Amino acid sequence: MTGHLLGATGALEAMFSVLSVKNDIVPPTINHEEGDNDENIDYTLNFTFNKAENRPVRAALSNSFASAATTPPSS
């Protein structure tokens, strides 16, 4: 886990995505203990809860959305 890195988040996310594909490691979704048991969710998906798993990784998505941490220009 990492804290908020402001401008460096996009680079760090891209690096983790590349390393995940290269090393076949799926990072976990933290603080998620179990599924929701909702009948509308396809539980054949392979979720990764709280601990990274070694599984074949062929692709990764790095969105790098901006945060609202920047200060708008003053008028």
PDB file of N, CA and C in Angstrom:
ATOM      1  N   MET A   1       0.845  -1.180   0.000  1.00  0.00           N
ATOM      2  CA  MET A   1       0.000   0.000   0.000  1.00  0.00           C
ATOM      3  C   MET A   1       0.884   1.234   0.000  1.00  0.00           C
ATOM      4  N   THR A   2       0.364   2.275  -0.570  1.00  0.00           N
ATOM      5  CA  THR A   2       1.072   3.553  -0.565  1.00  0.00           C
ATOM      6  C   THR A   2       0.127   4.638  -0.102  1.00  0.00           C
ATOM      7  N   GLY A   3       0.678   5.721   0.363  1.00  0.00           N
ATOM      8  CA  GLY A   3      -0.129   6.888   0.701  1.00  0.00           C
ATOM      9  C   GLY A   3      -0.384   7.694  -0.556  1.00  0.00           C
ATOM     10  N   HIS A   4      -0.864   8.908  -0.398  1.00  0.00           N
ATOM     11  CA  HIS A   4      -1.149   9.758  -1.550  1.00  0.00           C
ATOM     12  C   HIS A   4       0.145  10.426  -2.002  1.00  0.00           C
ATOM     13  N   LEU A   5       0.485  10.284  -3.264  1.00  0.00           N
ATOM     14  CA  LEU A   5       1.738  10.807  -3.789  1.00  0.00           C
ATOM     15  C   LEU A   5       1.543  12.019  -4.691  1.00  0.00           C
ATOM     16  N   LEU A   6       0.334  12.553  -4.739  1.00  0.00           N
ATOM     17  CA  LEU A   6      -0.001  13.713  -5.552  1.00  0.00           C
ATOM     18  C   LEU A   6       0.417  13.500  -7.007  1.00  0.00           C
ATOM     19  N   GLY A   7       1.388  14.226  -7.520  1.00  0.00           N
ATOM     20  CA  GLY A   7       1.740  14.161  -8.936  1.00  0.00           C
ATOM     21  C   GLY A   7       2.410  12.868  -9.367  1.00  0.00           C
ATOM     22  N   ALA A   8       2.957  12.116  -8.426  1.00  0.00           N
ATOM     23  CA  ALA A   8       3.684  10.890  -8.777  1.00  0.00           C
ATOM     24  C   ALA A   8       2.771   9.667  -8.852  1.00  0.00           C
ATOM     25  N   THR A   9       1.502   9.815  -8.572  1.00  0.00           N
ATOM     26  CA  THR A   9       0.617   8.640  -8.537  1.00  0.00           C
ATOM     27  C   THR A   9       0.509   7.952  -9.885  1.00  0.00           C
ATOM     28  N   GLY A  10       0.455   8.714 -10.956  1.00  0.00           N
ATOM     29  CA  GLY A  10       0.338   8.111 -12.286  1.00  0.00           C
ATOM     30  C   GLY A  10       1.543   7.265 -12.637  1.00  0.00           C
ATOM     31  N   ALA A  11       2.739   7.781 -12.327  1.00  0.00           N
ATOM     32  CA  ALA A  11       3.969   7.031 -12.612  1.00  0.00           C
ATOM     33  C   ALA A  11       4.044   5.774 -11.761  1.00  0.00           C
ATOM     34  N   LEU A  12       3.686   5.879 -10.491  1.00  0.00           N
ATOM     35  CA  LEU A  12       3.724   4.718  -9.608  1.00  0.00           C
ATOM     36  C   LEU A  12       2.703   3.665 -10.031  1.00  0.00           C
ATOM     37  N   GLU A  13       1.518   4.107 -10.417  1.00  0.00           N
ATOM     38  CA  GLU A  13       0.489   3.173 -10.882  1.00  0.00           C
ATOM     39  C   GLU A  13       0.933   2.450 -12.157  1.00  0.00           C
ATOM     40  N   ALA A  14       1.543   3.174 -13.072  1.00  0.00           N
ATOM     41  CA  ALA A  14       2.041   2.556 -14.302  1.00  0.00           C
ATOM     42  C   ALA A  14       3.135   1.541 -13.986  1.00  0.00           C
ATOM     43  N   MET A  15       4.021   1.885 -13.047  1.00  0.00           N
ATOM     44  CA  MET A  15       5.090   0.973 -12.667  1.00  0.00           C
ATOM     45  C   MET A  15       4.521  -0.306 -12.053  1.00  0.00           C
ATOM     46  N   PHE A  16       3.553  -0.177 -11.145  1.00  0.00           N
ATOM     47  CA  PHE A  16       2.937  -1.355 -10.537  1.00  0.00           C
ATOM     48  C   PHE A  16       2.221  -2.207 -11.581  1.00  0.00           C
ATOM     49  N   SER A  17       1.599  -1.571 -12.560  1.00  0.00           N
ATOM     50  CA  SER A  17       0.910  -2.317 -13.621  1.00  0.00           C
ATOM     51  C   SER A  17       1.893  -3.134 -14.449  1.00  0.00           C
ATOM     52  N   VAL A  18       3.011  -2.518 -14.816  1.00  0.00           N
ATOM     53  CA  VAL A  18       4.030  -3.225 -15.606  1.00  0.00           C
ATOM     54  C   VAL A  18       4.622  -4.384 -14.802  1.00  0.00           C
ATOM     55  N   LEU A  19       4.927  -4.146 -13.530  1.00  0.00           N
ATOM     56  CA  LEU A  19       5.497  -5.202 -12.691  1.00  0.00           C
ATOM     57  C   LEU A  19       4.508  -6.341 -12.460  1.00  0.00           C
ATOM     58  N   SER A  20       3.230  -6.008 -12.369  1.00  0.00           N
ATOM     59  CA  SER A  20       2.212  -7.042 -12.190  1.00  0.00           C
ATOM     60  C   SER A  20       2.176  -7.980 -13.388  1.00  0.00           C
ATOM     61  N   VAL A  21       2.227  -7.422 -14.596  1.00  0.00           N
ATOM     62  CA  VAL A  21       2.222  -8.245 -15.811  1.00  0.00           C
ATOM     63  C   VAL A  21       3.529  -9.032 -15.930  1.00  0.00           C
ATOM     64  N   LYS A  22       4.636  -8.363 -15.670  1.00  0.00           N
ATOM     65  CA  LYS A  22       5.946  -9.007 -15.803  1.00  0.00           C
ATOM     66  C   LYS A  22       6.112 -10.177 -14.835  1.00  0.00           C
ATOM     67  N   ASN A  23       5.654 -10.005 -13.587  1.00  0.00           N
ATOM     68  CA  ASN A  23       5.883 -11.011 -12.549  1.00  0.00           C
ATOM     69  C   ASN A  23       4.679 -11.902 -12.261  1.00  0.00           C
ATOM     70  N   ASP A  24       3.585 -11.741 -13.030  1.00  0.00           N
ATOM     71  CA  ASP A  24       2.360 -12.542 -12.819  1.00  0.00           C
ATOM     72  C   ASP A  24       1.872 -12.490 -11.380  1.00  0.00           C
ATOM     73  N   ILE A  25       1.749 -11.287 -10.854  1.00  0.00           N
ATOM     74  CA  ILE A  25       1.229 -11.084  -9.496  1.00  0.00           C
ATOM     75  C   ILE A  25       0.008 -10.180  -9.586  1.00  0.00           C
ATOM     76  N   VAL A  26      -1.092 -10.619  -8.971  1.00  0.00           N
ATOM     77  CA  VAL A  26      -2.319  -9.823  -8.918  1.00  0.00           C
ATOM     78  C   VAL A  26      -2.365  -9.144  -7.552  1.00  0.00           C
ATOM     79  N   PRO A  27      -2.285  -7.798  -7.516  1.00  0.00           N
ATOM     80  CA  PRO A  27      -2.342  -7.113  -6.233  1.00  0.00           C
ATOM     81  C   PRO A  27      -3.733  -7.227  -5.616  1.00  0.00           C
ATOM     82  N   PRO A  28      -3.826  -7.166  -4.300  1.00  0.00           N
ATOM     83  CA  PRO A  28      -5.114  -7.357  -3.644  1.00  0.00           C
ATOM     84  C   PRO A  28      -5.968  -6.096  -3.606  1.00  0.00           C
ATOM     85  N   THR A  29      -7.241  -6.308  -3.366  1.00  0.00           N
ATOM     86  CA  THR A  29      -8.133  -5.221  -2.974  1.00  0.00           C
ATOM     87  C   THR A  29      -8.092  -5.202  -1.456  1.00  0.00           C
ATOM     88  N   ILE A  30      -7.521  -4.152  -0.879  1.00  0.00           N
ATOM     89  CA  ILE A  30      -7.362  -4.121   0.571  1.00  0.00           C
ATOM     90  C   ILE A  30      -8.687  -3.813   1.261  1.00  0.00           C
ATOM     91  N   ASN A  31      -8.785  -4.219   2.502  1.00  0.00           N
ATOM     92  CA  ASN A  31      -9.963  -3.988   3.345  1.00  0.00           C
ATOM     93  C   ASN A  31     -11.237  -4.586   2.766  1.00  0.00           C
ATOM     94  N   HIS A  32     -11.112  -5.655   2.024  1.00  0.00           N
ATOM     95  CA  HIS A  32     -12.280  -6.348   1.473  1.00  0.00           C
ATOM     96  C   HIS A  32     -12.169  -7.808   1.896  1.00  0.00           C
ATOM     97  N   GLU A  33     -12.991  -8.217   2.818  1.00  0.00           N
ATOM     98  CA  GLU A  33     -12.874  -9.546   3.410  1.00  0.00           C
ATOM     99  C   GLU A  33     -13.560 -10.643   2.604  1.00  0.00           C
ATOM    100  N   GLU A  34     -14.730 -10.373   2.072  1.00  0.00           N
ATOM    101  CA  GLU A  34     -15.493 -11.412   1.373  1.00  0.00           C
ATOM    102  C   GLU A  34     -16.435 -10.760   0.365  1.00  0.00           C
ATOM    103  N   GLY A  35     -17.003 -11.578  -0.515  1.00  0.00           N
ATOM    104  CA  GLY A  35     -17.942 -11.074  -1.521  1.00  0.00           C
ATOM    105  C   GLY A  35     -19.233 -10.578  -0.894  1.00  0.00           C
ATOM    106  N   ASP A  36     -20.041  -9.911  -1.675  1.00  0.00           N
ATOM    107  CA  ASP A  36     -21.296  -9.337  -1.192  1.00  0.00           C
ATOM    108  C   ASP A  36     -22.449 -10.326  -1.165  1.00  0.00           C
ATOM    109  N   ASN A  37     -22.256 -11.490  -1.772  1.00  0.00           N
ATOM    110  CA  ASN A  37     -23.329 -12.481  -1.889  1.00  0.00           C
ATOM    111  C   ASN A  37     -24.571 -11.906  -2.559  1.00  0.00           C
ATOM    112  N   ASP A  38     -24.355 -11.085  -3.559  1.00  0.00           N
ATOM    113  CA  ASP A  38     -25.437 -10.476  -4.320  1.00  0.00           C
ATOM    114  C   ASP A  38     -25.725 -11.354  -5.538  1.00  0.00           C
ATOM    115  N   GLU A  39     -26.991 -11.690  -5.759  1.00  0.00           N
ATOM    116  CA  GLU A  39     -27.330 -12.573  -6.889  1.00  0.00           C
ATOM    117  C   GLU A  39     -27.072 -11.940  -8.251  1.00  0.00           C
ATOM    118  N   ASN A  40     -26.884 -10.615  -8.296  1.00  0.00           N
ATOM    119  CA  ASN A  40     -26.627  -9.934  -9.566  1.00  0.00           C
ATOM    120  C   ASN A  40     -25.142  -9.850  -9.911  1.00  0.00           C
ATOM    121  N   ILE A  41     -24.277 -10.339  -9.024  1.00  0.00           N
ATOM    122  CA  ILE A  41     -22.829 -10.293  -9.268  1.00  0.00           C
ATOM    123  C   ILE A  41     -22.367 -11.652  -9.756  1.00  0.00           C
ATOM    124  N   ASP A  42     -21.541 -11.638 -10.784  1.00  0.00           N
ATOM    125  CA  ASP A  42     -20.984 -12.869 -11.343  1.00  0.00           C
ATOM    126  C   ASP A  42     -19.805 -13.316 -10.480  1.00  0.00           C
ATOM    127  N   TYR A  43     -20.033 -14.260  -9.586  1.00  0.00           N
ATOM    128  CA  TYR A  43     -18.988 -14.705  -8.674  1.00  0.00           C
ATOM    129  C   TYR A  43     -18.047 -15.709  -9.304  1.00  0.00           C
ATOM    130  N   THR A  44     -18.164 -15.969 -10.603  1.00  0.00           N
ATOM    131  CA  THR A  44     -17.152 -16.779 -11.272  1.00  0.00           C
ATOM    132  C   THR A  44     -15.907 -15.929 -11.535  1.00  0.00           C
ATOM    133  N   LEU A  45     -16.024 -14.597 -11.328  1.00  0.00           N
ATOM    134  CA  LEU A  45     -14.852 -13.737 -11.416  1.00  0.00           C
ATOM    135  C   LEU A  45     -13.918 -14.110 -10.274  1.00  0.00           C
ATOM    136  N   ASN A  46     -12.640 -13.968 -10.497  1.00  0.00           N
ATOM    137  CA  ASN A  46     -11.673 -14.378  -9.491  1.00  0.00           C
ATOM    138  C   ASN A  46     -11.187 -13.151  -8.732  1.00  0.00           C
ATOM    139  N   PHE A  47     -11.844 -12.815  -7.620  1.00  0.00           N
ATOM    140  CA  PHE A  47     -11.472 -11.670  -6.811  1.00  0.00           C
ATOM    141  C   PHE A  47     -10.218 -11.977  -6.005  1.00  0.00           C
ATOM    142  N   THR A  48      -9.447 -10.953  -5.669  1.00  0.00           N
ATOM    143  CA  THR A  48      -8.233 -11.097  -4.867  1.00  0.00           C
ATOM    144  C   THR A  48      -8.393 -10.233  -3.629  1.00  0.00           C
ATOM    145  N   PHE A  49      -8.720 -10.857  -2.496  1.00  0.00           N
ATOM    146  CA  PHE A  49      -8.992 -10.123  -1.265  1.00  0.00           C
ATOM    147  C   PHE A  49      -7.777 -10.120  -0.337  1.00  0.00           C
ATOM    148  N   ASN A  50      -7.303  -8.949   0.063  1.00  0.00           N
ATOM    149  CA  ASN A  50      -6.334  -8.714   1.134  1.00  0.00           C
ATOM    150  C   ASN A  50      -4.951  -9.331   1.000  1.00  0.00           C
ATOM    151  N   LYS A  51      -4.674 -10.136   0.000  1.00  0.00           N
ATOM    152  CA  LYS A  51      -3.343 -10.706  -0.156  1.00  0.00           C
ATOM    153  C   LYS A  51      -3.066 -10.923  -1.645  1.00  0.00           C
ATOM    154  N   ALA A  52      -1.905 -10.489  -2.104  1.00  0.00           N
ATOM    155  CA  ALA A  52      -1.540 -10.662  -3.512  1.00  0.00           C
ATOM    156  C   ALA A  52      -1.476 -12.143  -3.864  1.00  0.00           C
ATOM    157  N   GLU A  53      -1.773 -12.462  -5.119  1.00  0.00           N
ATOM    158  CA  GLU A  53      -1.758 -13.851  -5.577  1.00  0.00           C
ATOM    159  C   GLU A  53      -0.921 -13.973  -6.841  1.00  0.00           C
ATOM    160  N   ASN A  54      -0.245 -15.096  -6.962  1.00  0.00           N
ATOM    161  CA  ASN A  54       0.483 -15.408  -8.201  1.00  0.00           C
ATOM    162  C   ASN A  54      -0.488 -16.073  -9.157  1.00  0.00           C
ATOM    163  N   ARG A  55      -0.817 -15.367 -10.232  1.00  0.00           N
ATOM    164  CA  ARG A  55      -1.699 -15.888 -11.277  1.00  0.00           C
ATOM    165  C   ARG A  55      -1.218 -15.327 -12.603  1.00  0.00           C
ATOM    166  N   PRO A  56      -1.510 -15.988 -13.697  1.00  0.00           N
ATOM    167  CA  PRO A  56      -1.114 -15.433 -15.003  1.00  0.00           C
ATOM    168  C   PRO A  56      -1.787 -14.078 -15.246  1.00  0.00           C
ATOM    169  N   VAL A  57      -0.989 -13.097 -15.603  1.00  0.00           N
ATOM    170  CA  VAL A  57      -1.493 -11.752 -15.913  1.00  0.00           C
ATOM    171  C   VAL A  57      -1.076 -11.430 -17.341  1.00  0.00           C
ATOM    172  N   ARG A  58      -2.049 -11.194 -18.208  1.00  0.00           N
ATOM    173  CA  ARG A  58      -1.743 -10.873 -19.609  1.00  0.00           C
ATOM    174  C   ARG A  58      -1.865  -9.398 -19.904  1.00  0.00           C
ATOM    175  N   ALA A  59      -2.626  -8.664 -19.108  1.00  0.00           N
ATOM    176  CA  ALA A  59      -2.825  -7.236 -19.351  1.00  0.00           C
ATOM    177  C   ALA A  59      -3.165  -6.540 -18.042  1.00  0.00           C
ATOM    178  N   ALA A  60      -2.902  -5.248 -17.991  1.00  0.00           N
ATOM    179  CA  ALA A  60      -3.250  -4.439 -16.822  1.00  0.00           C
ATOM    180  C   ALA A  60      -3.763  -3.091 -17.317  1.00  0.00           C
ATOM    181  N   LEU A  61      -4.656  -2.495 -16.556  1.00  0.00           N
ATOM    182  CA  LEU A  61      -5.226  -1.199 -16.905  1.00  0.00           C
ATOM    183  C   LEU A  61      -4.744  -0.164 -15.895  1.00  0.00           C
ATOM    184  N   SER A  62      -4.152   0.895 -16.394  1.00  0.00           N
ATOM    185  CA  SER A  62      -3.678   1.988 -15.546  1.00  0.00           C
ATOM    186  C   SER A  62      -4.430   3.250 -15.966  1.00  0.00           C
ATOM    187  N   ASN A  63      -5.370   3.681 -15.136  1.00  0.00           N
ATOM    188  CA  ASN A  63      -6.208   4.831 -15.481  1.00  0.00           C
ATOM    189  C   ASN A  63      -5.544   6.168 -15.204  1.00  0.00           C
ATOM    190  N   SER A  64      -4.861   6.295 -14.090  1.00  0.00           N
ATOM    191  CA  SER A  64      -4.166   7.530 -13.700  1.00  0.00           C
ATOM    192  C   SER A  64      -5.086   8.749 -13.704  1.00  0.00           C
ATOM    193  N   PHE A  65      -6.229   8.626 -13.060  1.00  0.00           N
ATOM    194  CA  PHE A  65      -7.129   9.763 -12.947  1.00  0.00           C
ATOM    195  C   PHE A  65      -6.534  10.815 -12.025  1.00  0.00           C
ATOM    196  N   ALA A  66      -6.758  12.063 -12.338  1.00  0.00           N
ATOM    197  CA  ALA A  66      -6.245  13.153 -11.513  1.00  0.00           C
ATOM    198  C   ALA A  66      -7.070  13.276 -10.236  1.00  0.00           C
ATOM    199  N   SER A  67      -6.441  13.817  -9.227  1.00  0.00           N
ATOM    200  CA  SER A  67      -7.163  14.051  -7.974  1.00  0.00           C
ATOM    201  C   SER A  67      -7.517  15.529  -7.882  1.00  0.00           C
ATOM    202  N   ALA A  68      -8.330  15.864  -6.925  1.00  0.00           N
ATOM    203  CA  ALA A  68      -8.752  17.249  -6.732  1.00  0.00           C
ATOM    204  C   ALA A  68      -7.829  17.968  -5.758  1.00  0.00           C
ATOM    205  N   ALA A  69      -6.601  17.503  -5.630  1.00  0.00           N
ATOM    206  CA  ALA A  69      -5.677  18.069  -4.652  1.00  0.00           C
ATOM    207  C   ALA A  69      -4.973  19.319  -5.138  1.00  0.00           C
ATOM    208  N   THR A  70      -5.208  19.735  -6.354  1.00  0.00           N
ATOM    209  CA  THR A  70      -4.541  20.927  -6.867  1.00  0.00           C
ATOM    210  C   THR A  70      -5.359  22.170  -6.547  1.00  0.00           C
ATOM    211  N   THR A  71      -4.688  23.263  -6.408  1.00  0.00           N
ATOM    212  CA  THR A  71      -5.354  24.513  -6.091  1.00  0.00           C
ATOM    213  C   THR A  71      -5.700  25.244  -7.374  1.00  0.00           C
ATOM    214  N   PRO A  72      -6.947  25.659  -7.556  1.00  0.00           N
ATOM    215  CA  PRO A  72      -7.310  26.381  -8.785  1.00  0.00           C
ATOM    216  C   PRO A  72      -6.658  27.767  -8.805  1.00  0.00           C
ATOM    217  N   PRO A  73      -6.416  28.302  -9.992  1.00  0.00           N
ATOM    218  CA  PRO A  73      -5.807  29.645 -10.058  1.00  0.00           C
ATOM    219  C   PRO A  73      -6.729  30.688  -9.435  1.00  0.00           C
ATOM    220  N   SER A  74      -6.134  31.650  -8.758  1.00  0.00           N
ATOM    221  CA  SER A  74      -6.950  32.700  -8.142  1.00  0.00           C
ATOM    222  C   SER A  74      -7.324  33.754  -9.175  1.00  0.00           C
ATOM    223  N   SER A  75      -8.453  34.428  -8.937  1.00  0.00           N
ATOM    224  CA  SER A  75      -8.911  35.441  -9.898  1.00  0.00           C
ATOM    225  C   SER A  75      -8.362  36.784  -9.581  1.00  0.00           C
TER     226      SER A  75
END
